[in-house]
Each structure stands twice: as C-alpha cells, then as structure tokens.
Amino acid sequence: MKKLIIITASLLTILSLTACTNRELGTAGGAALGGVVGNGLTGGSTAGTIVGAVGGGYIGNQLSR
C-alpha cells in the first residue's frame, strides 16, 4: 500500500510539472536537489533539509533565467 501511495504521488508530481515554465522547473528541481543534499549533509536533520531546499530553489531559479 505504501508503495502505491509513493508511486501515485510521484506520478501526480510529474504530471503537474508539465505545465511549468523553465524557470519554475529550475526552481522546483533546485529545491528538490538542495533538500536531498541538505538532508544528507546534516544526517537527516529537518532544519538541514529545509535550508538545503530553500538554497537549492534559489540557485535553481537564478540559473534558469
């Protein structure tokens, strides 16, 4: 059941990104990557994940200009 929920959520996320502009995709991709990196660097800390996501989103937004 948990696997089905994850697959459904992933599919809905992918489908929702098809209507985004390049800048929005850059921001979302940067936030996702930054969150993963922040989580990894801080050993799973929630604060590290949030800070990484915010920083990654900002960088992704700036690079996609």
N, C-alpha and C. Protein backbone atom coordinates (compact mmCIF):
# COMPACT_ATOMS: atom_id res chain seq x y z
N MET A 1 0.82 -1.19 0.00
CA MET A 1 0.00 0.00 0.00
C MET A 1 0.86 1.25 0.00
N LYS A 2 1.93 1.24 0.82
CA LYS A 2 2.81 2.40 0.90
C LYS A 2 3.47 2.66 -0.45
N LYS A 3 3.85 1.59 -1.14
CA LYS A 3 4.49 1.72 -2.45
C LYS A 3 3.53 2.35 -3.46
N LEU A 4 2.26 1.97 -3.40
CA LEU A 4 1.26 2.53 -4.30
C LEU A 4 1.07 4.03 -4.06
N ILE A 5 1.08 4.44 -2.81
CA ILE A 5 0.94 5.85 -2.49
C ILE A 5 2.13 6.65 -3.01
N ILE A 6 3.33 6.11 -2.85
CA ILE A 6 4.53 6.79 -3.33
C ILE A 6 4.52 6.90 -4.84
N ILE A 7 4.15 5.85 -5.53
CA ILE A 7 4.09 5.86 -6.99
C ILE A 7 3.04 6.86 -7.47
N THR A 8 1.88 6.87 -6.83
CA THR A 8 0.82 7.79 -7.21
C THR A 8 1.24 9.24 -6.98
N ALA A 9 1.85 9.52 -5.85
CA ALA A 9 2.31 10.87 -5.55
C ALA A 9 3.38 11.31 -6.54
N SER A 10 4.29 10.41 -6.90
CA SER A 10 5.33 10.74 -7.88
C SER A 10 4.73 11.03 -9.24
N LEU A 11 3.77 10.22 -9.64
CA LEU A 11 3.12 10.43 -10.93
C LEU A 11 2.38 11.76 -10.97
N LEU A 12 1.66 12.09 -9.92
CA LEU A 12 0.95 13.36 -9.86
C LEU A 12 1.91 14.55 -9.88
N THR A 13 3.05 14.41 -9.21
CA THR A 13 4.05 15.46 -9.22
C THR A 13 4.62 15.67 -10.61
N ILE A 14 4.95 14.60 -11.29
CA ILE A 14 5.49 14.70 -12.65
C ILE A 14 4.47 15.32 -13.59
N LEU A 15 3.22 14.90 -13.49
CA LEU A 15 2.18 15.46 -14.35
C LEU A 15 1.95 16.94 -14.07
N SER A 16 2.05 17.35 -12.83
CA SER A 16 1.83 18.76 -12.51
C SER A 16 2.97 19.64 -13.01
N LEU A 17 4.16 19.08 -13.19
CA LEU A 17 5.29 19.87 -13.66
C LEU A 17 5.27 20.09 -15.18
N THR A 18 4.40 19.41 -15.90
CA THR A 18 4.37 19.58 -17.35
C THR A 18 3.84 20.95 -17.75
N ALA A 19 3.12 21.63 -16.88
CA ALA A 19 2.58 22.95 -17.19
C ALA A 19 3.50 24.08 -16.72
N CYS A 20 4.63 23.76 -16.18
CA CYS A 20 5.54 24.77 -15.63
C CYS A 20 6.43 25.38 -16.71
N THR A 21 6.87 26.60 -16.43
CA THR A 21 7.85 27.24 -17.29
C THR A 21 9.23 26.70 -16.93
N ASN A 22 10.21 27.04 -17.74
CA ASN A 22 11.58 26.59 -17.45
C ASN A 22 12.07 27.13 -16.12
N ARG A 23 11.71 28.36 -15.81
CA ARG A 23 12.15 28.95 -14.55
C ARG A 23 11.54 28.22 -13.36
N GLU A 24 10.25 27.87 -13.46
CA GLU A 24 9.60 27.14 -12.37
C GLU A 24 10.19 25.74 -12.22
N LEU A 25 10.51 25.12 -13.34
CA LEU A 25 11.14 23.79 -13.28
C LEU A 25 12.52 23.87 -12.64
N GLY A 26 13.26 24.92 -12.96
CA GLY A 26 14.58 25.11 -12.36
C GLY A 26 14.48 25.30 -10.85
N THR A 27 13.49 26.07 -10.44
CA THR A 27 13.28 26.31 -9.00
C THR A 27 12.89 25.02 -8.29
N ALA A 28 11.94 24.29 -8.87
CA ALA A 28 11.49 23.04 -8.25
C ALA A 28 12.60 22.00 -8.22
N GLY A 29 13.33 21.88 -9.32
CA GLY A 29 14.44 20.92 -9.36
C GLY A 29 15.54 21.27 -8.39
N GLY A 30 15.86 22.56 -8.31
CA GLY A 30 16.88 23.00 -7.37
C GLY A 30 16.47 22.76 -5.93
N ALA A 31 15.19 23.01 -5.64
CA ALA A 31 14.70 22.79 -4.27
C ALA A 31 14.75 21.31 -3.91
N ALA A 32 14.37 20.46 -4.84
CA ALA A 32 14.40 19.01 -4.58
C ALA A 32 15.83 18.53 -4.36
N LEU A 33 16.72 18.94 -5.24
CA LEU A 33 18.12 18.53 -5.11
C LEU A 33 18.75 19.12 -3.85
N GLY A 34 18.46 20.37 -3.57
CA GLY A 34 19.01 21.00 -2.37
C GLY A 34 18.51 20.35 -1.10
N GLY A 35 17.23 19.94 -1.09
CA GLY A 35 16.69 19.24 0.08
C GLY A 35 17.37 17.91 0.32
N VAL A 36 17.63 17.19 -0.75
CA VAL A 36 18.32 15.90 -0.63
C VAL A 36 19.75 16.10 -0.12
N VAL A 37 20.43 17.09 -0.69
CA VAL A 37 21.81 17.35 -0.26
C VAL A 37 21.85 17.83 1.20
N GLY A 38 20.94 18.75 1.54
CA GLY A 38 20.88 19.24 2.92
C GLY A 38 20.59 18.14 3.92
N ASN A 39 19.69 17.24 3.54
CA ASN A 39 19.37 16.10 4.40
C ASN A 39 20.57 15.20 4.57
N GLY A 40 21.27 14.94 3.49
CA GLY A 40 22.45 14.07 3.55
C GLY A 40 23.59 14.66 4.35
N LEU A 41 23.82 15.95 4.18
CA LEU A 41 24.94 16.59 4.88
C LEU A 41 24.72 16.72 6.38
N THR A 42 23.46 16.84 6.78
CA THR A 42 23.18 17.03 8.20
C THR A 42 22.70 15.76 8.89
N GLY A 43 22.78 14.64 8.21
CA GLY A 43 22.40 13.37 8.82
C GLY A 43 20.91 13.22 9.04
N GLY A 44 20.10 13.82 8.19
CA GLY A 44 18.65 13.67 8.29
C GLY A 44 17.97 14.76 9.09
N SER A 45 18.66 15.83 9.38
CA SER A 45 18.08 16.93 10.14
C SER A 45 17.00 17.64 9.32
N THR A 46 15.88 17.93 9.97
CA THR A 46 14.80 18.65 9.30
C THR A 46 15.25 20.05 8.90
N ALA A 47 15.95 20.73 9.80
CA ALA A 47 16.43 22.08 9.50
C ALA A 47 17.40 22.07 8.32
N GLY A 48 18.27 21.09 8.27
CA GLY A 48 19.21 20.98 7.16
C GLY A 48 18.50 20.74 5.84
N THR A 49 17.44 19.94 5.87
CA THR A 49 16.66 19.66 4.67
C THR A 49 15.97 20.93 4.18
N ILE A 50 15.39 21.68 5.11
CA ILE A 50 14.69 22.92 4.74
C ILE A 50 15.65 23.96 4.20
N VAL A 51 16.76 24.15 4.87
CA VAL A 51 17.75 25.13 4.42
C VAL A 51 18.30 24.72 3.06
N GLY A 52 18.57 23.45 2.87
CA GLY A 52 19.06 22.97 1.58
C GLY A 52 18.04 23.19 0.47
N ALA A 53 16.77 22.94 0.77
CA ALA A 53 15.72 23.13 -0.23
C ALA A 53 15.55 24.60 -0.61
N VAL A 54 15.59 25.47 0.38
CA VAL A 54 15.47 26.90 0.10
C VAL A 54 16.66 27.38 -0.72
N GLY A 55 17.86 27.00 -0.31
CA GLY A 55 19.05 27.39 -1.06
C GLY A 55 19.07 26.81 -2.46
N GLY A 56 18.70 25.56 -2.59
CA GLY A 56 18.66 24.93 -3.91
C GLY A 56 17.62 25.55 -4.81
N GLY A 57 16.47 25.90 -4.23
CA GLY A 57 15.42 26.56 -5.01
C GLY A 57 15.87 27.91 -5.51
N TYR A 58 16.56 28.66 -4.68
CA TYR A 58 17.07 29.96 -5.09
C TYR A 58 18.11 29.84 -6.20
N ILE A 59 19.02 28.90 -6.02
CA ILE A 59 20.06 28.69 -7.04
C ILE A 59 19.44 28.22 -8.34
N GLY A 60 18.50 27.27 -8.27
CA GLY A 60 17.83 26.80 -9.47
C GLY A 60 17.07 27.89 -10.19
N ASN A 61 16.45 28.79 -9.42
CA ASN A 61 15.73 29.91 -10.00
C ASN A 61 16.68 30.85 -10.73
N GLN A 62 17.81 31.13 -10.12
CA GLN A 62 18.77 32.06 -10.72
C GLN A 62 19.44 31.46 -11.95
N LEU A 63 19.72 30.16 -11.92
CA LEU A 63 20.38 29.53 -13.07
C LEU A 63 19.45 29.36 -14.26
N SER A 64 18.15 29.32 -14.02
CA SER A 64 17.21 29.11 -15.12
C SER A 64 16.75 30.41 -15.75
N ARG A 65 17.34 31.52 -15.42
CA ARG A 65 16.98 32.82 -16.02
C ARG A 65 17.43 32.89 -17.44
